[in-house]
Amino acid sequence: MHKLTNKEEEVMHILWKLEKAFVKEVLAEIKSDPPHYNTLSTIIRNLEEKGYVAYEAFGKTHRYYPIIAKEDYRKRFMNKAIENYFNNSYKNVVSFFAKEEKISVEELKEIIKLIEKKQ
């Protein structure tokens, strides 16, 4: 799987949400700093070349849809981030969020319960 740019990832989130969409429908979903139609069309074609989307042809226009599940992308993204930024340590991830005060004691207790249930 190829790495996605921020714009490509934004477009993928829209396609996951819409499930199938024409370029104009994707464009309508971009709220901040929408690209030109042709630019967006190029971004979507790049996603197709990278193996993230496919399309159904309707004459000269295409309706695009994701062929990579959001969950599969999320797993790959998270595994890569943990590998690159946290030395492949989930303990370092949790510690980071605790230090940044992004996770509460209650949430940590819930995580421990989930882990204990799996054992």
PDB file of N, CA and C in Angstrom:
ATOM      1  N   MET A   1       0.832  -1.176   0.000  1.00  0.00           N
ATOM      2  CA  MET A   1       0.000   0.000   0.000  1.00  0.00           C
ATOM      3  C   MET A   1       0.880   1.245   0.000  1.00  0.00           C
ATOM      4  N   HIS A   2       0.601   2.154  -0.906  1.00  0.00           N
ATOM      5  CA  HIS A   2       1.355   3.396  -0.991  1.00  0.00           C
ATOM      6  C   HIS A   2       0.878   4.397   0.059  1.00  0.00           C
ATOM      7  N   LYS A   3       1.802   5.246   0.500  1.00  0.00           N
ATOM      8  CA  LYS A   3       1.473   6.293   1.455  1.00  0.00           C
ATOM      9  C   LYS A   3       0.592   7.342   0.777  1.00  0.00           C
ATOM     10  N   LEU A   4      -0.371   7.860   1.515  1.00  0.00           N
ATOM     11  CA  LEU A   4      -1.266   8.874   0.982  1.00  0.00           C
ATOM     12  C   LEU A   4      -0.853  10.263   1.426  1.00  0.00           C
ATOM     13  N   THR A   5      -1.073  11.249   0.552  1.00  0.00           N
ATOM     14  CA  THR A   5      -0.889  12.645   0.939  1.00  0.00           C
ATOM     15  C   THR A   5      -2.073  13.038   1.820  1.00  0.00           C
ATOM     16  N   ASN A   6      -1.972  14.196   2.469  1.00  0.00           N
ATOM     17  CA  ASN A   6      -3.081  14.664   3.305  1.00  0.00           C
ATOM     18  C   ASN A   6      -4.360  14.841   2.496  1.00  0.00           C
ATOM     19  N   LYS A   7      -4.250  15.415   1.286  1.00  0.00           N
ATOM     20  CA  LYS A   7      -5.428  15.609   0.435  1.00  0.00           C
ATOM     21  C   LYS A   7      -6.018  14.268   0.001  1.00  0.00           C
ATOM     22  N   GLU A   8      -5.152  13.314  -0.361  1.00  0.00           N
ATOM     23  CA  GLU A   8      -5.632  11.989  -0.746  1.00  0.00           C
ATOM     24  C   GLU A   8      -6.371  11.325   0.406  1.00  0.00           C
ATOM     25  N   GLU A   9      -5.825  11.467   1.604  1.00  0.00           N
ATOM     26  CA  GLU A   9      -6.479  10.874   2.771  1.00  0.00           C
ATOM     27  C   GLU A   9      -7.827  11.539   3.034  1.00  0.00           C
ATOM     28  N   GLU A  10      -7.891  12.852   2.859  1.00  0.00           N
ATOM     29  CA  GLU A  10      -9.151  13.569   3.028  1.00  0.00           C
ATOM     30  C   GLU A  10     -10.195  13.048   2.026  1.00  0.00           C
ATOM     31  N   VAL A  11      -9.783  12.845   0.794  1.00  0.00           N
ATOM     32  CA  VAL A  11     -10.686  12.333  -0.238  1.00  0.00           C
ATOM     33  C   VAL A  11     -11.127  10.910   0.100  1.00  0.00           C
ATOM     34  N   MET A  12     -10.210  10.088   0.605  1.00  0.00           N
ATOM     35  CA  MET A  12     -10.586   8.724   0.987  1.00  0.00           C
ATOM     36  C   MET A  12     -11.642   8.739   2.081  1.00  0.00           C
ATOM     37  N   HIS A  13     -11.507   9.621   3.059  1.00  0.00           N
ATOM     38  CA  HIS A  13     -12.511   9.693   4.129  1.00  0.00           C
ATOM     39  C   HIS A  13     -13.887  10.046   3.551  1.00  0.00           C
ATOM     40  N   ILE A  14     -13.891  10.918   2.558  1.00  0.00           N
ATOM     41  CA  ILE A  14     -15.154  11.283   1.910  1.00  0.00           C
ATOM     42  C   ILE A  14     -15.717  10.083   1.157  1.00  0.00           C
ATOM     43  N   LEU A  15     -14.872   9.368   0.422  1.00  0.00           N
ATOM     44  CA  LEU A  15     -15.350   8.200  -0.322  1.00  0.00           C
ATOM     45  C   LEU A  15     -15.821   7.090   0.611  1.00  0.00           C
ATOM     46  N   TRP A  16     -15.139   6.905   1.735  1.00  0.00           N
ATOM     47  CA  TRP A  16     -15.614   5.914   2.711  1.00  0.00           C
ATOM     48  C   TRP A  16     -16.994   6.312   3.222  1.00  0.00           C
ATOM     49  N   LYS A  17     -17.196   7.592   3.449  1.00  0.00           N
ATOM     50  CA  LYS A  17     -18.478   8.085   3.953  1.00  0.00           C
ATOM     51  C   LYS A  17     -19.579   7.931   2.894  1.00  0.00           C
ATOM     52  N   LEU A  18     -19.297   8.342   1.662  1.00  0.00           N
ATOM     53  CA  LEU A  18     -20.306   8.325   0.604  1.00  0.00           C
ATOM     54  C   LEU A  18     -20.477   6.944  -0.045  1.00  0.00           C
ATOM     55  N   GLU A  19     -19.458   6.108   0.068  1.00  0.00           N
ATOM     56  CA  GLU A  19     -19.396   4.760  -0.508  1.00  0.00           C
ATOM     57  C   GLU A  19     -19.193   4.768  -2.025  1.00  0.00           C
ATOM     58  N   LYS A  20     -19.935   5.566  -2.761  1.00  0.00           N
ATOM     59  CA  LYS A  20     -19.745   5.743  -4.207  1.00  0.00           C
ATOM     60  C   LYS A  20     -20.018   7.203  -4.515  1.00  0.00           C
ATOM     61  N   ALA A  21     -19.166   7.820  -5.369  1.00  0.00           N
ATOM     62  CA  ALA A  21     -19.387   9.235  -5.651  1.00  0.00           C
ATOM     63  C   ALA A  21     -18.698   9.672  -6.943  1.00  0.00           C
ATOM     64  N   PHE A  22     -19.317  10.636  -7.590  1.00  0.00           N
ATOM     65  CA  PHE A  22     -18.713  11.313  -8.725  1.00  0.00           C
ATOM     66  C   PHE A  22     -17.802  12.408  -8.170  1.00  0.00           C
ATOM     67  N   VAL A  23     -16.880  12.896  -8.979  1.00  0.00           N
ATOM     68  CA  VAL A  23     -15.941  13.925  -8.531  1.00  0.00           C
ATOM     69  C   VAL A  23     -16.692  15.121  -7.957  1.00  0.00           C
ATOM     70  N   LYS A  24     -17.763  15.557  -8.617  1.00  0.00           N
ATOM     71  CA  LYS A  24     -18.518  16.730  -8.146  1.00  0.00           C
ATOM     72  C   LYS A  24     -19.122  16.491  -6.765  1.00  0.00           C
ATOM     73  N   GLU A  25     -19.500  15.247  -6.461  1.00  0.00           N
ATOM     74  CA  GLU A  25     -20.055  14.937  -5.139  1.00  0.00           C
ATOM     75  C   GLU A  25     -18.968  14.964  -4.069  1.00  0.00           C
ATOM     76  N   VAL A  26     -17.777  14.499  -4.430  1.00  0.00           N
ATOM     77  CA  VAL A  26     -16.650  14.574  -3.496  1.00  0.00           C
ATOM     78  C   VAL A  26     -16.311  16.040  -3.242  1.00  0.00           C
ATOM     79  N   LEU A  27     -16.267  16.828  -4.301  1.00  0.00           N
ATOM     80  CA  LEU A  27     -15.945  18.253  -4.189  1.00  0.00           C
ATOM     81  C   LEU A  27     -16.918  18.967  -3.260  1.00  0.00           C
ATOM     82  N   ALA A  28     -18.196  18.611  -3.340  1.00  0.00           N
ATOM     83  CA  ALA A  28     -19.222  19.238  -2.491  1.00  0.00           C
ATOM     84  C   ALA A  28     -19.000  18.943  -1.008  1.00  0.00           C
ATOM     85  N   GLU A  29     -18.287  17.864  -0.694  1.00  0.00           N
ATOM     86  CA  GLU A  29     -18.050  17.479   0.700  1.00  0.00           C
ATOM     87  C   GLU A  29     -16.828  18.172   1.308  1.00  0.00           C
ATOM     88  N   ILE A  30     -15.984  18.758   0.483  1.00  0.00           N
ATOM     89  CA  ILE A  30     -14.757  19.403   0.983  1.00  0.00           C
ATOM     90  C   ILE A  30     -15.114  20.804   1.443  1.00  0.00           C
ATOM     91  N   LYS A  31     -15.063  21.009   2.743  1.00  0.00           N
ATOM     92  CA  LYS A  31     -15.526  22.263   3.332  1.00  0.00           C
ATOM     93  C   LYS A  31     -14.452  23.354   3.341  1.00  0.00           C
ATOM     94  N   SER A  32     -13.220  22.999   3.703  1.00  0.00           N
ATOM     95  CA  SER A  32     -12.184  24.024   3.789  1.00  0.00           C
ATOM     96  C   SER A  32     -11.183  23.876   2.646  1.00  0.00           C
ATOM     97  N   ASP A  33     -10.928  24.989   1.985  1.00  0.00           N
ATOM     98  CA  ASP A  33      -9.951  25.062   0.895  1.00  0.00           C
ATOM     99  C   ASP A  33     -10.177  23.999  -0.180  1.00  0.00           C
ATOM    100  N   PRO A  34     -11.359  23.997  -0.797  1.00  0.00           N
ATOM    101  CA  PRO A  34     -11.625  22.991  -1.836  1.00  0.00           C
ATOM    102  C   PRO A  34     -10.725  23.203  -3.059  1.00  0.00           C
ATOM    103  N   PRO A  35     -10.196  22.126  -3.609  1.00  0.00           N
ATOM    104  CA  PRO A  35      -9.354  22.256  -4.801  1.00  0.00           C
ATOM    105  C   PRO A  35     -10.222  22.513  -6.042  1.00  0.00           C
ATOM    106  N   HIS A  36      -9.570  22.877  -7.120  1.00  0.00           N
ATOM    107  CA  HIS A  36     -10.265  23.018  -8.407  1.00  0.00           C
ATOM    108  C   HIS A  36     -10.753  21.627  -8.823  1.00  0.00           C
ATOM    109  N   TYR A  37     -11.843  21.563  -9.565  1.00  0.00           N
ATOM    110  CA  TYR A  37     -12.418  20.293 -10.008  1.00  0.00           C
ATOM    111  C   TYR A  37     -11.368  19.406 -10.669  1.00  0.00           C
ATOM    112  N   ASN A  38     -10.570  19.966 -11.582  1.00  0.00           N
ATOM    113  CA  ASN A  38      -9.562  19.173 -12.305  1.00  0.00           C
ATOM    114  C   ASN A  38      -8.483  18.636 -11.360  1.00  0.00           C
ATOM    115  N   THR A  39      -8.119  19.447 -10.368  1.00  0.00           N
ATOM    116  CA  THR A  39      -7.136  19.005  -9.375  1.00  0.00           C
ATOM    117  C   THR A  39      -7.680  17.828  -8.587  1.00  0.00           C
ATOM    118  N   LEU A  40      -8.936  17.933  -8.163  1.00  0.00           N
ATOM    119  CA  LEU A  40      -9.565  16.846  -7.416  1.00  0.00           C
ATOM    120  C   LEU A  40      -9.665  15.588  -8.273  1.00  0.00           C
ATOM    121  N   SER A  41      -9.998  15.767  -9.522  1.00  0.00           N
ATOM    122  CA  SER A  41     -10.073  14.630 -10.441  1.00  0.00           C
ATOM    123  C   SER A  41      -8.718  13.926 -10.544  1.00  0.00           C
ATOM    124  N   THR A  42      -7.650  14.705 -10.587  1.00  0.00           N
ATOM    125  CA  THR A  42      -6.292  14.135 -10.626  1.00  0.00           C
ATOM    126  C   THR A  42      -5.981  13.396  -9.336  1.00  0.00           C
ATOM    127  N   ILE A  43      -6.364  13.965  -8.197  1.00  0.00           N
ATOM    128  CA  ILE A  43      -6.139  13.312  -6.897  1.00  0.00           C
ATOM    129  C   ILE A  43      -6.842  11.958  -6.868  1.00  0.00           C
ATOM    130  N   ILE A  44      -8.066  11.920  -7.349  1.00  0.00           N
ATOM    131  CA  ILE A  44      -8.832  10.672  -7.331  1.00  0.00           C
ATOM    132  C   ILE A  44      -8.218   9.655  -8.289  1.00  0.00           C
ATOM    133  N   ARG A  45      -7.759  10.107  -9.451  1.00  0.00           N
ATOM    134  CA  ARG A  45      -7.093   9.178 -10.383  1.00  0.00           C
ATOM    135  C   ARG A  45      -5.798   8.641  -9.771  1.00  0.00           C
ATOM    136  N   ASN A  46      -5.084   9.487  -9.009  1.00  0.00           N
ATOM    137  CA  ASN A  46      -3.882   9.015  -8.300  1.00  0.00           C
ATOM    138  C   ASN A  46      -4.244   7.933  -7.284  1.00  0.00           C
ATOM    139  N   LEU A  47      -5.366   8.111  -6.591  1.00  0.00           N
ATOM    140  CA  LEU A  47      -5.832   7.098  -5.638  1.00  0.00           C
ATOM    141  C   LEU A  47      -6.147   5.792  -6.361  1.00  0.00           C
ATOM    142  N   GLU A  48      -6.664   5.911  -7.560  1.00  0.00           N
ATOM    143  CA  GLU A  48      -6.933   4.714  -8.364  1.00  0.00           C
ATOM    144  C   GLU A  48      -5.617   4.019  -8.725  1.00  0.00           C
ATOM    145  N   GLU A  49      -4.635   4.789  -9.175  1.00  0.00           N
ATOM    146  CA  GLU A  49      -3.324   4.221  -9.534  1.00  0.00           C
ATOM    147  C   GLU A  49      -2.643   3.567  -8.340  1.00  0.00           C
ATOM    148  N   LYS A  50      -2.861   4.128  -7.149  1.00  0.00           N
ATOM    149  CA  LYS A  50      -2.266   3.574  -5.930  1.00  0.00           C
ATOM    150  C   LYS A  50      -3.032   2.366  -5.411  1.00  0.00           C
ATOM    151  N   GLY A  51      -4.175   2.057  -6.013  1.00  0.00           N
ATOM    152  CA  GLY A  51      -4.936   0.877  -5.618  1.00  0.00           C
ATOM    153  C   GLY A  51      -5.919   1.101  -4.486  1.00  0.00           C
ATOM    154  N   TYR A  52      -6.321   2.350  -4.256  1.00  0.00           N
ATOM    155  CA  TYR A  52      -7.262   2.648  -3.179  1.00  0.00           C
ATOM    156  C   TYR A  52      -8.699   2.742  -3.661  1.00  0.00           C
ATOM    157  N   VAL A  53      -8.899   3.146  -4.907  1.00  0.00           N
ATOM    158  CA  VAL A  53     -10.250   3.295  -5.436  1.00  0.00           C
ATOM    159  C   VAL A  53     -10.361   2.648  -6.812  1.00  0.00           C
ATOM    160  N   ALA A  54     -11.585   2.371  -7.193  1.00  0.00           N
ATOM    161  CA  ALA A  54     -11.906   1.897  -8.540  1.00  0.00           C
ATOM    162  C   ALA A  54     -13.102   2.728  -8.995  1.00  0.00           C
ATOM    163  N   TYR A  55     -13.562   2.473 -10.210  1.00  0.00           N
ATOM    164  CA  TYR A  55     -14.680   3.266 -10.694  1.00  0.00           C
ATOM    165  C   TYR A  55     -15.603   2.451 -11.593  1.00  0.00           C
ATOM    166  N   GLU A  56     -16.814   2.988 -11.714  1.00  0.00           N
ATOM    167  CA  GLU A  56     -17.795   2.495 -12.669  1.00  0.00           C
ATOM    168  C   GLU A  56     -17.927   3.597 -13.720  1.00  0.00           C
ATOM    169  N   ALA A  57     -17.860   3.238 -14.985  1.00  0.00           N
ATOM    170  CA  ALA A  57     -17.964   4.229 -16.049  1.00  0.00           C
ATOM    171  C   ALA A  57     -19.418   4.442 -16.442  1.00  0.00           C
ATOM    172  N   PHE A  58     -19.774   5.697 -16.603  1.00  0.00           N
ATOM    173  CA  PHE A  58     -21.078   6.110 -17.107  1.00  0.00           C
ATOM    174  C   PHE A  58     -20.802   7.062 -18.266  1.00  0.00           C
ATOM    175  N   GLY A  59     -20.602   6.501 -19.443  1.00  0.00           N
ATOM    176  CA  GLY A  59     -20.184   7.318 -20.576  1.00  0.00           C
ATOM    177  C   GLY A  59     -18.778   7.838 -20.321  1.00  0.00           C
ATOM    178  N   LYS A  60     -18.634   9.160 -20.373  1.00  0.00           N
ATOM    179  CA  LYS A  60     -17.307   9.759 -20.143  1.00  0.00           C
ATOM    180  C   LYS A  60     -17.049  10.077 -18.674  1.00  0.00           C
ATOM    181  N   THR A  61     -18.031   9.899 -17.833  1.00  0.00           N
ATOM    182  CA  THR A  61     -17.850  10.211 -16.413  1.00  0.00           C
ATOM    183  C   THR A  61     -17.698   8.926 -15.607  1.00  0.00           C
ATOM    184  N   HIS A  62     -17.049   9.062 -14.469  1.00  0.00           N
ATOM    185  CA  HIS A  62     -16.787   7.908 -13.616  1.00  0.00           C
ATOM    186  C   HIS A  62     -17.357   8.142 -12.224  1.00  0.00           C
ATOM    187  N   ARG A  63     -17.893   7.060 -11.646  1.00  0.00           N
ATOM    188  CA  ARG A  63     -18.308   7.082 -10.242  1.00  0.00           C
ATOM    189  C   ARG A  63     -17.299   6.225  -9.484  1.00  0.00           C
ATOM    190  N   TYR A  64     -16.635   6.841  -8.519  1.00  0.00           N
ATOM    191  CA  TYR A  64     -15.550   6.191  -7.792  1.00  0.00           C
ATOM    192  C   TYR A  64     -16.042   5.578  -6.495  1.00  0.00           C
ATOM    193  N   TYR A  65     -15.342   4.520  -6.084  1.00  0.00           N
ATOM    194  CA  TYR A  65     -15.658   3.874  -4.812  1.00  0.00           C
ATOM    195  C   TYR A  65     -14.365   3.283  -4.225  1.00  0.00           C
ATOM    196  N   PRO A  66     -14.275   3.246  -2.893  1.00  0.00           N
ATOM    197  CA  PRO A  66     -13.062   2.708  -2.259  1.00  0.00           C
ATOM    198  C   PRO A  66     -12.985   1.194  -2.408  1.00  0.00           C
ATOM    199  N   ILE A  67     -11.777   0.702  -2.626  1.00  0.00           N
ATOM    200  CA  ILE A  67     -11.573  -0.753  -2.650  1.00  0.00           C
ATOM    201  C   ILE A  67     -10.707  -1.195  -1.478  1.00  0.00           C
ATOM    202  N   ILE A  68     -10.266  -0.229  -0.692  1.00  0.00           N
ATOM    203  CA  ILE A  68      -9.566  -0.496   0.565  1.00  0.00           C
ATOM    204  C   ILE A  68     -10.509  -0.080   1.685  1.00  0.00           C
ATOM    205  N   ALA A  69     -10.785  -0.986   2.599  1.00  0.00           N
ATOM    206  CA  ALA A  69     -11.673  -0.670   3.722  1.00  0.00           C
ATOM    207  C   ALA A  69     -11.003   0.317   4.664  1.00  0.00           C
ATOM    208  N   LYS A  70     -11.806   1.182   5.242  1.00  0.00           N
ATOM    209  CA  LYS A  70     -11.300   2.178   6.187  1.00  0.00           C
ATOM    210  C   LYS A  70     -10.557   1.494   7.342  1.00  0.00           C
ATOM    211  N   GLU A  71     -11.107   0.396   7.824  1.00  0.00           N
ATOM    212  CA  GLU A  71     -10.486  -0.345   8.937  1.00  0.00           C
ATOM    213  C   GLU A  71      -9.105  -0.869   8.545  1.00  0.00           C
ATOM    214  N   ASP A  72      -8.964  -1.383   7.331  1.00  0.00           N
ATOM    215  CA  ASP A  72      -7.662  -1.878   6.866  1.00  0.00           C
ATOM    216  C   ASP A  72      -6.648  -0.745   6.778  1.00  0.00           C
ATOM    217  N   TYR A  73      -7.094   0.399   6.266  1.00  0.00           N
ATOM    218  CA  TYR A  73      -6.196   1.555   6.181  1.00  0.00           C
ATOM    219  C   TYR A  73      -5.812   2.026   7.577  1.00  0.00           C
ATOM    220  N   ARG A  74      -6.776   2.078   8.481  1.00  0.00           N
ATOM    221  CA  ARG A  74      -6.507   2.534   9.844  1.00  0.00           C
ATOM    222  C   ARG A  74      -5.466   1.643  10.528  1.00  0.00           C
ATOM    223  N   LYS A  75      -5.615   0.325  10.381  1.00  0.00           N
ATOM    224  CA  LYS A  75      -4.644  -0.600  10.987  1.00  0.00           C
ATOM    225  C   LYS A  75      -3.245  -0.350  10.451  1.00  0.00           C
ATOM    226  N   ARG A  76      -3.139  -0.211   9.122  1.00  0.00           N
ATOM    227  CA  ARG A  76      -1.841   0.021   8.497  1.00  0.00           C
ATOM    228  C   ARG A  76      -1.252   1.352   8.959  1.00  0.00           C
ATOM    229  N   PHE A  77      -2.094   2.389   8.977  1.00  0.00           N
ATOM    230  CA  PHE A  77      -1.660   3.724   9.383  1.00  0.00           C
ATOM    231  C   PHE A  77      -1.176   3.718  10.830  1.00  0.00           C
ATOM    232  N   MET A  78      -1.953   3.111  11.712  1.00  0.00           N
ATOM    233  CA  MET A  78      -1.590   3.082  13.132  1.00  0.00           C
ATOM    234  C   MET A  78      -0.333   2.251  13.361  1.00  0.00           C
ATOM    235  N   ASN A  79      -0.236   1.102  12.727  1.00  0.00           N
ATOM    236  CA  ASN A  79       0.960   0.267  12.886  1.00  0.00           C
ATOM    237  C   ASN A  79       2.205   1.011  12.430  1.00  0.00           C
ATOM    238  N   LYS A  80       2.113   1.739  11.316  1.00  0.00           N
ATOM    239  CA  LYS A  80       3.251   2.489  10.791  1.00  0.00           C
ATOM    240  C   LYS A  80       3.610   3.633  11.739  1.00  0.00           C
ATOM    241  N   ALA A  81       2.612   4.334  12.258  1.00  0.00           N
ATOM    242  CA  ALA A  81       2.859   5.443  13.183  1.00  0.00           C
ATOM    243  C   ALA A  81       3.508   4.940  14.469  1.00  0.00           C
ATOM    244  N   ILE A  82       3.020   3.827  14.995  1.00  0.00           N
ATOM    245  CA  ILE A  82       3.584   3.268  16.230  1.00  0.00           C
ATOM    246  C   ILE A  82       5.010   2.809  15.990  1.00  0.00           C
ATOM    247  N   GLU A  83       5.259   2.231  14.834  1.00  0.00           N
ATOM    248  CA  GLU A  83       6.611   1.796  14.480  1.00  0.00           C
ATOM    249  C   GLU A  83       7.548   3.006  14.337  1.00  0.00           C
ATOM    250  N   ASN A  84       7.107   4.029  13.618  1.00  0.00           N
ATOM    251  CA  ASN A  84       7.970   5.175  13.307  1.00  0.00           C
ATOM    252  C   ASN A  84       8.158   6.152  14.460  1.00  0.00           C
ATOM    253  N   TYR A  85       7.133   6.339  15.287  1.00  0.00           N
ATOM    254  CA  TYR A  85       7.190   7.384  16.309  1.00  0.00           C
ATOM    255  C   TYR A  85       7.275   6.878  17.745  1.00  0.00           C
ATOM    256  N   PHE A  86       6.994   5.590  17.960  1.00  0.00           N
ATOM    257  CA  PHE A  86       6.958   5.074  19.328  1.00  0.00           C
ATOM    258  C   PHE A  86       7.788   3.808  19.505  1.00  0.00           C
ATOM    259  N   ASN A  87       8.765   3.594  18.632  1.00  0.00           N
ATOM    260  CA  ASN A  87       9.658   2.425  18.712  1.00  0.00           C
ATOM    261  C   ASN A  87       8.892   1.109  18.823  1.00  0.00           C
ATOM    262  N   ASN A  88       7.780   1.022  18.110  1.00  0.00           N
ATOM    263  CA  ASN A  88       6.961  -0.193  18.091  1.00  0.00           C
ATOM    264  C   ASN A  88       6.433  -0.574  19.480  1.00  0.00           C
ATOM    265  N   SER A  89       6.292   0.412  20.339  1.00  0.00           N
ATOM    266  CA  SER A  89       5.854   0.150  21.712  1.00  0.00           C
ATOM    267  C   SER A  89       4.489   0.785  21.975  1.00  0.00           C
ATOM    268  N   TYR A  90       3.505  -0.070  22.272  1.00  0.00           N
ATOM    269  CA  TYR A  90       2.177   0.438  22.606  1.00  0.00           C
ATOM    270  C   TYR A  90       2.204   1.124  23.971  1.00  0.00           C
ATOM    271  N   LYS A  91       3.108   0.689  24.838  1.00  0.00           N
ATOM    272  CA  LYS A  91       3.281   1.344  26.130  1.00  0.00           C
ATOM    273  C   LYS A  91       3.692   2.800  25.906  1.00  0.00           C
ATOM    274  N   ASN A  92       4.602   3.032  24.946  1.00  0.00           N
ATOM    275  CA  ASN A  92       5.022   4.396  24.645  1.00  0.00           C
ATOM    276  C   ASN A  92       3.866   5.228  24.094  1.00  0.00           C
ATOM    277  N   VAL A  93       2.976   4.601  23.339  1.00  0.00           N
ATOM    278  CA  VAL A  93       1.815   5.310  22.793  1.00  0.00           C
ATOM    279  C   VAL A  93       0.917   5.773  23.939  1.00  0.00           C
ATOM    280  N   VAL A  94       0.567   4.849  24.817  1.00  0.00           N
ATOM    281  CA  VAL A  94      -0.316   5.178  25.936  1.00  0.00           C
ATOM    282  C   VAL A  94       0.342   6.213  26.841  1.00  0.00           C
ATOM    283  N   SER A  95       1.636   6.059  27.091  1.00  0.00           N
ATOM    284  CA  SER A  95       2.375   7.009  27.911  1.00  0.00           C
ATOM    285  C   SER A  95       2.352   8.407  27.285  1.00  0.00           C
ATOM    286  N   PHE A  96       2.518   8.465  25.985  1.00  0.00           N
ATOM    287  CA  PHE A  96       2.474   9.744  25.275  1.00  0.00           C
ATOM    288  C   PHE A  96       1.136  10.438  25.499  1.00  0.00           C
ATOM    289  N   PHE A  97       0.038   9.695  25.314  1.00  0.00           N
ATOM    290  CA  PHE A  97      -1.284  10.302  25.476  1.00  0.00           C
ATOM    291  C   PHE A  97      -1.564  10.671  26.933  1.00  0.00           C
ATOM    292  N   ALA A  98      -1.042   9.903  27.855  1.00  0.00           N
ATOM    293  CA  ALA A  98      -1.214  10.239  29.272  1.00  0.00           C
ATOM    294  C   ALA A  98      -0.466  11.537  29.602  1.00  0.00           C
ATOM    295  N   LYS A  99       0.762  11.652  29.124  1.00  0.00           N
ATOM    296  CA  LYS A  99       1.552  12.872  29.369  1.00  0.00           C
ATOM    297  C   LYS A  99       0.912  14.094  28.722  1.00  0.00           C
ATOM    298  N   GLU A 100       0.311  13.906  27.566  1.00  0.00           N
ATOM    299  CA  GLU A 100      -0.342  15.009  26.853  1.00  0.00           C
ATOM    300  C   GLU A 100      -1.742  15.288  27.403  1.00  0.00           C
ATOM    301  N   GLU A 101      -2.142  14.503  28.409  1.00  0.00           N
ATOM    302  CA  GLU A 101      -3.462  14.609  29.035  1.00  0.00           C
ATOM    303  C   GLU A 101      -4.589  14.418  28.011  1.00  0.00           C
ATOM    304  N   LYS A 102      -4.376  13.482  27.095  1.00  0.00           N
ATOM    305  CA  LYS A 102      -5.381  13.153  26.084  1.00  0.00           C
ATOM    306  C   LYS A 102      -6.169  11.904  26.458  1.00  0.00           C
ATOM    307  N   ILE A 103      -5.779  11.290  27.568  1.00  0.00           N
ATOM    308  CA  ILE A 103      -6.464  10.081  28.021  1.00  0.00           C
ATOM    309  C   ILE A 103      -6.648  10.186  29.533  1.00  0.00           C
ATOM    310  N   SER A 104      -7.812   9.814  30.003  1.00  0.00           N
ATOM    311  CA  SER A 104      -8.122   9.931  31.430  1.00  0.00           C
ATOM    312  C   SER A 104      -7.810   8.628  32.164  1.00  0.00           C
ATOM    313  N   VAL A 105      -7.791   8.706  33.463  1.00  0.00           N
ATOM    314  CA  VAL A 105      -7.582   7.526  34.300  1.00  0.00           C
ATOM    315  C   VAL A 105      -8.712   6.522  34.053  1.00  0.00           C
ATOM    316  N   GLU A 106      -9.941   7.040  33.916  1.00  0.00           N
ATOM    317  CA  GLU A 106     -11.079   6.163  33.660  1.00  0.00           C
ATOM    318  C   GLU A 106     -10.898   5.405  32.342  1.00  0.00           C
ATOM    319  N   GLU A 107     -10.426   6.109  31.323  1.00  0.00           N
ATOM    320  CA  GLU A 107     -10.197   5.462  30.030  1.00  0.00           C
ATOM    321  C   GLU A 107      -9.088   4.412  30.131  1.00  0.00           C
ATOM    322  N   LEU A 108      -8.053   4.715  30.890  1.00  0.00           N
ATOM    323  CA  LEU A 108      -6.976   3.737  31.087  1.00  0.00           C
ATOM    324  C   LEU A 108      -7.502   2.491  31.801  1.00  0.00           C
ATOM    325  N   LYS A 109      -8.364   2.690  32.785  1.00  0.00           N
ATOM    326  CA  LYS A 109      -8.967   1.549  33.481  1.00  0.00           C
ATOM    327  C   LYS A 109      -9.807   0.710  32.527  1.00  0.00           C
ATOM    328  N   GLU A 110     -10.540   1.368  31.629  1.00  0.00           N
ATOM    329  CA  GLU A 110     -11.341   0.651  30.635  1.00  0.00           C
ATOM    330  C   GLU A 110     -10.442  -0.171  29.709  1.00  0.00           C
ATOM    331  N   ILE A 111      -9.313   0.399  29.325  1.00  0.00           N
ATOM    332  CA  ILE A 111      -8.357  -0.307  28.459  1.00  0.00           C
ATOM    333  C   ILE A 111      -7.827  -1.546  29.171  1.00  0.00           C
ATOM    334  N   ILE A 112      -7.483  -1.394  30.447  1.00  0.00           N
ATOM    335  CA  ILE A 112      -6.974  -2.529  31.234  1.00  0.00           C
ATOM    336  C   ILE A 112      -8.036  -3.629  31.301  1.00  0.00           C
ATOM    337  N   LYS A 113      -9.293  -3.249  31.521  1.00  0.00           N
ATOM    338  CA  LYS A 113     -10.378  -4.242  31.562  1.00  0.00           C
ATOM    339  C   LYS A 113     -10.496  -4.983  30.235  1.00  0.00           C
ATOM    340  N   LEU A 114     -10.387  -4.244  29.130  1.00  0.00           N
ATOM    341  CA  LEU A 114     -10.466  -4.875  27.805  1.00  0.00           C
ATOM    342  C   LEU A 114      -9.328  -5.877  27.617  1.00  0.00           C
ATOM    343  N   ILE A 115      -8.137  -5.512  28.063  1.00  0.00           N
ATOM    344  CA  ILE A 115      -6.976  -6.406  27.938  1.00  0.00           C
ATOM    345  C   ILE A 115      -7.169  -7.645  28.796  1.00  0.00           C
ATOM    346  N   GLU A 116      -7.651  -7.436  30.017  1.00  0.00           N
ATOM    347  CA  GLU A 116      -7.859  -8.569  30.931  1.00  0.00           C
ATOM    348  C   GLU A 116      -8.920  -9.536  30.391  1.00  0.00           C
ATOM    349  N   LYS A 117      -9.938  -9.035  29.750  1.00  0.00           N
ATOM    350  CA  LYS A 117     -10.985  -9.891  29.183  1.00  0.00           C
ATOM    351  C   LYS A 117     -10.440 -10.761  28.061  1.00  0.00           C
ATOM    352  N   LYS A 118      -9.449 -10.276  27.336  1.00  0.00           N
ATOM    353  CA  LYS A 118      -8.870 -11.035  26.212  1.00  0.00           C
ATOM    354  C   LYS A 118      -7.954 -12.147  26.675  1.00  0.00           C
ATOM    355  N   GLN A 119      -7.485 -12.091  27.923  1.00  0.00           N
ATOM    356  CA  GLN A 119      -6.516 -13.090  28.393  1.00  0.00           C
ATOM    357  C   GLN A 119      -7.176 -14.295  28.983  1.00  0.00           C
TER     358      GLN A 119
END
